[in-house]
Every structure is written in structure tokens, then in C-alpha cells.
Amino acid sequence: MTDRLPHEKGFHVSWDQLHRDARALAWRLESSGPEGGWRGVVAITRGGMAPAMIVSRELDIRTVDTISVKSYDHQSQTEAKVLKAPNPDLMGDGTGILIVDDLVDTGKTLELVRDLYPKAHFATVYAKPKGRGMVDTFITEVSQDTWIFFPWDMALQYVEPFRGRD
């Protein structure tokens, strides 16, 4: 047995790794797009902004918007709520829209957004098993008990070895 906290089973993602994984997501999405191409990309803020920017660049999609959804308070998940919606003229029911986030965890955020835009295509860079059914396309699956540390959440500092002290 271990006395580590659940978030201490960490998967650390560097800027380089995120860029490679987001480009891989774009390559996968290139063949999934609707006839005539994607009408726009919507990033779920804040985590989806960097991947959405990379995907939109790789796929040459110039129409980019955001939907702000809050579902975490630090590392505690709360009820998802929309703080800012994308342009309704762009969105419609989501047809031809690519919605991008960094991670699907339990799926609560994507469930909320999918209810608003049921015909959109949902893509994440990373997926956990509980939320995997809410995403159409993803790159890497990690275990449900893994906490992903994104580059915008980290600073360089000493980290204790996985098995404890030296």
C-alpha cells in the first residue's frame, strides 16, 4: 500500500510533448472532417486553447472561438458550468465544428458542451476511461487515477522519486 495522494501518480507533459501530441491529433482529424472541411475550431478554455491553436494551424482553419467551462476548483472537480459561449452564428447545432480540449477526465465538461452542440466533433489530446465515450477523437489514454500535469501548471523543481526517498 502507498501513502501517496491520488494526484501524485502524475503524467508530466512538456511543451514539446504537448505540441507533438496536438499535431498528431490534427493528423488524425484531417481525415475525419466533414466534406468541404471544418467550419471552425472551438477551444474549451483554458486547457484546450494551446491544442486548439496547434490543430487550427495544422489544418489551416482560420475561424477559432472559445467556450469557457469551469469544472475544476484547483484539483477538485465541481459541477460544470458555461462561463462564456462561442458565437451562436458560428455554432448552430455544431455541424462542421471541431471542439478541442486538452483532456477528457470524467466527461462532465464534454457532456455539457455536447448537449449544447450535439453535432460537433469532440477531440482531446488525452483521455481517461470514464470520459472516453464523450470524445470522438483523442491521442493518448491514461488511467483514471493519473493526474496530468500540463506545462502551464508546472515550474521546475525537485520531485521525490516514485518509490519514495533516496
C-alpha atoms as a PDB file:
ATOM      1  CA  MET A   1       0.000   0.000   0.000  1.00  0.00           C
ATOM      2  CA  THR A   2       1.117   3.562  -0.546  1.00  0.00           C
ATOM      3  CA  ASP A   3       0.528   6.786   1.320  1.00  0.00           C
ATOM      4  CA  ARG A   4       0.704   8.939  -1.831  1.00  0.00           C
ATOM      5  CA  LEU A   5      -2.154  11.235  -2.719  1.00  0.00           C
ATOM      6  CA  PRO A   6      -4.123  10.325  -5.895  1.00  0.00           C
ATOM      7  CA  HIS A   7      -2.692  13.270  -7.853  1.00  0.00           C
ATOM      8  CA  GLU A   8       0.852  12.115  -7.069  1.00  0.00           C
ATOM      9  CA  LYS A   9       0.521   9.430  -9.749  1.00  0.00           C
ATOM     10  CA  GLY A  10       1.459  12.059 -12.269  1.00  0.00           C
ATOM     11  CA  PHE A  11       1.963  12.205 -16.001  1.00  0.00           C
ATOM     12  CA  HIS A  12       4.088  15.264 -16.761  1.00  0.00           C
ATOM     13  CA  VAL A  13       3.597  16.785 -20.197  1.00  0.00           C
ATOM     14  CA  SER A  14       6.222  19.179 -21.543  1.00  0.00           C
ATOM     15  CA  TRP A  15       5.535  21.897 -24.102  1.00  0.00           C
ATOM     16  CA  ASP A  16       7.362  19.787 -26.699  1.00  0.00           C
ATOM     17  CA  GLN A  17       5.266  16.717 -25.902  1.00  0.00           C
ATOM     18  CA  LEU A  18       2.023  18.701 -25.991  1.00  0.00           C
ATOM     19  CA  HIS A  19       2.985  20.159 -29.367  1.00  0.00           C
ATOM     20  CA  ARG A  20       3.791  16.710 -30.799  1.00  0.00           C
ATOM     21  CA  ASP A  21       0.571  15.217 -29.423  1.00  0.00           C
ATOM     22  CA  ALA A  22      -1.589  18.118 -30.666  1.00  0.00           C
ATOM     23  CA  ARG A  23      -0.035  17.778 -34.151  1.00  0.00           C
ATOM     24  CA  ALA A  24      -0.803  14.047 -34.044  1.00  0.00           C
ATOM     25  CA  LEU A  25      -4.386  14.963 -33.146  1.00  0.00           C
ATOM     26  CA  ALA A  26      -4.540  17.271 -36.177  1.00  0.00           C
ATOM     27  CA  TRP A  27      -3.238  14.493 -38.443  1.00  0.00           C
ATOM     28  CA  ARG A  28      -5.922  12.152 -37.120  1.00  0.00           C
ATOM     29  CA  LEU A  29      -8.616  14.817 -37.556  1.00  0.00           C
ATOM     30  CA  GLU A  30      -7.625  15.648 -41.127  1.00  0.00           C
ATOM     31  CA  SER A  31      -9.383  12.538 -42.431  1.00  0.00           C
ATOM     32  CA  SER A  32     -12.356  12.895 -40.029  1.00  0.00           C
ATOM     33  CA  GLY A  33     -13.521  16.287 -41.212  1.00  0.00           C
ATOM     34  CA  PRO A  34     -16.792  16.963 -42.975  1.00  0.00           C
ATOM     35  CA  GLU A  35     -16.929  17.337 -46.744  1.00  0.00           C
ATOM     36  CA  GLY A  36     -15.660  20.830 -47.500  1.00  0.00           C
ATOM     37  CA  GLY A  37     -13.619  20.944 -44.280  1.00  0.00           C
ATOM     38  CA  TRP A  38     -14.207  22.141 -40.758  1.00  0.00           C
ATOM     39  CA  ARG A  39     -16.169  25.408 -40.434  1.00  0.00           C
ATOM     40  CA  GLY A  40     -14.349  26.339 -37.239  1.00  0.00           C
ATOM     41  CA  VAL A  41     -12.484  25.255 -34.136  1.00  0.00           C
ATOM     42  CA  VAL A  42     -13.749  25.939 -30.631  1.00  0.00           C
ATOM     43  CA  ALA A  43     -11.328  25.594 -27.741  1.00  0.00           C
ATOM     44  CA  ILE A  44     -12.651  24.645 -24.331  1.00  0.00           C
ATOM     45  CA  THR A  45     -10.840  27.076 -22.066  1.00  0.00           C
ATOM     46  CA  ARG A  46      -8.437  27.116 -20.629  1.00  0.00           C
ATOM     47  CA  GLY A  47      -6.763  23.776 -21.263  1.00  0.00           C
ATOM     48  CA  GLY A  48      -7.994  23.423 -24.828  1.00  0.00           C
ATOM     49  CA  MET A  49      -6.532  26.707 -26.032  1.00  0.00           C
ATOM     50  CA  ALA A  50      -2.978  25.524 -26.792  1.00  0.00           C
ATOM     51  CA  PRO A  51      -4.069  22.283 -28.512  1.00  0.00           C
ATOM     52  CA  ALA A  52      -6.802  24.121 -30.475  1.00  0.00           C
ATOM     53  CA  MET A  53      -4.283  26.689 -31.693  1.00  0.00           C
ATOM     54  CA  ILE A  54      -1.953  23.940 -32.904  1.00  0.00           C
ATOM     55  CA  VAL A  55      -4.775  21.940 -34.521  1.00  0.00           C
ATOM     56  CA  SER A  56      -6.218  25.028 -36.243  1.00  0.00           C
ATOM     57  CA  ARG A  57      -2.770  25.925 -37.595  1.00  0.00           C
ATOM     58  CA  GLU A  58      -2.061  22.411 -38.862  1.00  0.00           C
ATOM     59  CA  LEU A  59      -5.483  22.108 -40.528  1.00  0.00           C
ATOM     60  CA  ASP A  60      -5.470  25.734 -41.773  1.00  0.00           C
ATOM     61  CA  ILE A  61      -8.718  26.595 -40.003  1.00  0.00           C
ATOM     62  CA  ARG A  62      -8.941  30.362 -39.554  1.00  0.00           C
ATOM     63  CA  THR A  63     -12.210  30.594 -37.616  1.00  0.00           C
ATOM     64  CA  VAL A  64     -11.394  29.951 -33.964  1.00  0.00           C
ATOM     65  CA  ASP A  65     -13.558  30.667 -30.912  1.00  0.00           C
ATOM     66  CA  THR A  66     -13.749  29.587 -27.286  1.00  0.00           C
ATOM     67  CA  ILE A  67     -16.223  28.198 -24.821  1.00  0.00           C
ATOM     68  CA  SER A  68     -15.311  28.782 -21.202  1.00  0.00           C
ATOM     69  CA  VAL A  69     -16.384  25.947 -18.940  1.00  0.00           C
ATOM     70  CA  LYS A  70     -15.454  25.707 -15.304  1.00  0.00           C
ATOM     71  CA  SER A  71     -15.463  22.209 -13.864  1.00  0.00           C
ATOM     72  CA  TYR A  72     -12.437  22.246 -11.556  1.00  0.00           C
ATOM     73  CA  ASP A  73     -11.524  24.252  -8.495  1.00  0.00           C
ATOM     74  CA  HIS A  74      -7.774  23.616  -8.331  1.00  0.00           C
ATOM     75  CA  GLN A  75      -7.670  19.772  -8.314  1.00  0.00           C
ATOM     76  CA  SER A  76     -11.256  19.183  -7.149  1.00  0.00           C
ATOM     77  CA  GLN A  77     -13.911  18.563  -9.768  1.00  0.00           C
ATOM     78  CA  THR A  78     -17.136  20.554  -9.397  1.00  0.00           C
ATOM     79  CA  GLU A  79     -20.339  20.780 -11.428  1.00  0.00           C
ATOM     80  CA  ALA A  80     -19.554  22.021 -14.938  1.00  0.00           C
ATOM     81  CA  LYS A  81     -20.981  25.385 -15.968  1.00  0.00           C
ATOM     82  CA  VAL A  82     -20.562  27.604 -19.033  1.00  0.00           C
ATOM     83  CA  LEU A  83     -18.976  30.966 -18.252  1.00  0.00           C
ATOM     84  CA  LYS A  84     -18.706  32.177 -21.892  1.00  0.00           C
ATOM     85  CA  ALA A  85     -20.309  30.673 -25.001  1.00  0.00           C
ATOM     86  CA  PRO A  86     -18.949  30.858 -28.560  1.00  0.00           C
ATOM     87  CA  ASN A  87     -20.576  32.896 -31.338  1.00  0.00           C
ATOM     88  CA  PRO A  88     -24.076  31.422 -31.861  1.00  0.00           C
ATOM     89  CA  ASP A  89     -23.998  32.259 -35.597  1.00  0.00           C
ATOM     90  CA  LEU A  90     -20.924  30.051 -35.950  1.00  0.00           C
ATOM     91  CA  MET A  91     -22.143  27.220 -33.761  1.00  0.00           C
ATOM     92  CA  GLY A  92     -25.699  26.283 -34.696  1.00  0.00           C
ATOM     93  CA  ASP A  93     -26.073  22.642 -33.608  1.00  0.00           C
ATOM     94  CA  GLY A  94     -22.323  22.123 -34.027  1.00  0.00           C
ATOM     95  CA  THR A  95     -22.357  20.759 -37.580  1.00  0.00           C
ATOM     96  CA  GLY A  96     -18.872  21.164 -39.083  1.00  0.00           C
ATOM     97  CA  ILE A  97     -17.404  22.445 -35.802  1.00  0.00           C
ATOM     98  CA  LEU A  98     -14.382  20.891 -34.144  1.00  0.00           C
ATOM     99  CA  ILE A  99     -14.356  21.273 -30.358  1.00  0.00           C
ATOM    100  CA  VAL A 100     -10.922  20.770 -28.781  1.00  0.00           C
ATOM    101  CA  ASP A 101      -9.840  20.262 -25.183  1.00  0.00           C
ATOM    102  CA  ASP A 102      -6.635  19.084 -23.572  1.00  0.00           C
ATOM    103  CA  LEU A 103      -8.197  16.214 -21.624  1.00  0.00           C
ATOM    104  CA  VAL A 104     -11.420  14.360 -21.042  1.00  0.00           C
ATOM    105  CA  ASP A 105     -11.460  13.133 -17.439  1.00  0.00           C
ATOM    106  CA  THR A 106     -14.911  12.097 -16.215  1.00  0.00           C
ATOM    107  CA  GLY A 107     -16.621  13.530 -19.302  1.00  0.00           C
ATOM    108  CA  LYS A 108     -18.750  16.066 -17.402  1.00  0.00           C
ATOM    109  CA  THR A 109     -17.368  19.084 -19.283  1.00  0.00           C
ATOM    110  CA  LEU A 110     -17.787  17.436 -22.677  1.00  0.00           C
ATOM    111  CA  GLU A 111     -21.252  16.192 -21.734  1.00  0.00           C
ATOM    112  CA  LEU A 112     -22.334  19.776 -21.035  1.00  0.00           C
ATOM    113  CA  VAL A 113     -20.841  21.088 -24.285  1.00  0.00           C
ATOM    114  CA  ARG A 114     -22.143  18.112 -26.303  1.00  0.00           C
ATOM    115  CA  ASP A 115     -25.661  18.833 -25.051  1.00  0.00           C
ATOM    116  CA  LEU A 116     -25.300  22.375 -26.437  1.00  0.00           C
ATOM    117  CA  TYR A 117     -23.730  21.319 -29.771  1.00  0.00           C
ATOM    118  CA  PRO A 118     -24.734  17.695 -30.414  1.00  0.00           C
ATOM    119  CA  LYS A 119     -23.424  17.545 -33.997  1.00  0.00           C
ATOM    120  CA  ALA A 120     -19.945  18.919 -33.262  1.00  0.00           C
ATOM    121  CA  HIS A 121     -16.868  16.698 -33.379  1.00  0.00           C
ATOM    122  CA  PHE A 122     -15.140  16.457 -29.988  1.00  0.00           C
ATOM    123  CA  ALA A 123     -11.382  15.946 -29.851  1.00  0.00           C
ATOM    124  CA  THR A 124      -8.974  15.831 -26.939  1.00  0.00           C
ATOM    125  CA  VAL A 125      -5.282  15.201 -26.724  1.00  0.00           C
ATOM    126  CA  TYR A 126      -5.606  12.931 -23.676  1.00  0.00           C
ATOM    127  CA  ALA A 127      -8.470  10.747 -22.438  1.00  0.00           C
ATOM    128  CA  LYS A 128      -9.275   8.871 -19.246  1.00  0.00           C
ATOM    129  CA  PRO A 129     -11.562   5.806 -19.281  1.00  0.00           C
ATOM    130  CA  LYS A 130     -14.583   7.431 -17.562  1.00  0.00           C
ATOM    131  CA  GLY A 131     -14.776  10.211 -20.152  1.00  0.00           C
ATOM    132  CA  ARG A 132     -13.592   8.356 -23.223  1.00  0.00           C
ATOM    133  CA  GLY A 133     -17.142   7.783 -24.503  1.00  0.00           C
ATOM    134  CA  MET A 134     -17.729  11.552 -24.690  1.00  0.00           C
ATOM    135  CA  VAL A 135     -14.869  12.193 -27.122  1.00  0.00           C
ATOM    136  CA  ASP A 136     -14.828  11.328 -30.830  1.00  0.00           C
ATOM    137  CA  THR A 137     -11.056  11.554 -31.373  1.00  0.00           C
ATOM    138  CA  PHE A 138      -8.117  11.504 -28.959  1.00  0.00           C
ATOM    139  CA  ILE A 139      -4.412  10.627 -28.995  1.00  0.00           C
ATOM    140  CA  THR A 140      -3.346   9.109 -25.656  1.00  0.00           C
ATOM    141  CA  GLU A 141      -5.318   7.303 -22.974  1.00  0.00           C
ATOM    142  CA  VAL A 142      -4.131   7.443 -19.364  1.00  0.00           C
ATOM    143  CA  SER A 143      -5.512   5.643 -16.316  1.00  0.00           C
ATOM    144  CA  GLN A 144      -8.326   7.270 -14.376  1.00  0.00           C
ATOM    145  CA  ASP A 145      -6.148   7.694 -11.273  1.00  0.00           C
ATOM    146  CA  THR A 146      -3.384   9.565 -13.120  1.00  0.00           C
ATOM    147  CA  TRP A 147      -3.148  13.323 -12.699  1.00  0.00           C
ATOM    148  CA  ILE A 148      -1.848  15.021 -15.848  1.00  0.00           C
ATOM    149  CA  PHE A 149       0.469  17.940 -15.167  1.00  0.00           C
ATOM    150  CA  PHE A 150       0.317  20.257 -18.167  1.00  0.00           C
ATOM    151  CA  PRO A 151       3.198  22.626 -18.957  1.00  0.00           C
ATOM    152  CA  TRP A 152       1.174  25.704 -17.985  1.00  0.00           C
ATOM    153  CA  ASP A 153       0.701  24.195 -14.495  1.00  0.00           C
ATOM    154  CA  MET A 154       4.346  23.419 -13.761  1.00  0.00           C
ATOM    155  CA  ALA A 155       7.533  25.042 -12.583  1.00  0.00           C
ATOM    156  CA  LEU A 156      10.944  23.417 -12.488  1.00  0.00           C
ATOM    157  CA  GLN A 157      11.587  21.945  -9.068  1.00  0.00           C
ATOM    158  CA  TYR A 158      12.765  18.803  -7.329  1.00  0.00           C
ATOM    159  CA  VAL A 159      10.341  15.866  -7.391  1.00  0.00           C
ATOM    160  CA  GLU A 160      10.625  12.974  -4.952  1.00  0.00           C
ATOM    161  CA  PRO A 161      11.321   9.581  -6.616  1.00  0.00           C
ATOM    162  CA  PHE A 162       8.342   7.364  -7.377  1.00  0.00           C
ATOM    163  CA  ARG A 163       9.275   4.805  -4.707  1.00  0.00           C
ATOM    164  CA  GLY A 164       9.997   7.365  -2.017  1.00  0.00           C
ATOM    165  CA  ARG A 165      13.073   8.983  -0.573  1.00  0.00           C
ATOM    166  CA  ASP A 166      16.613   8.129  -1.663  1.00  0.00           C
END
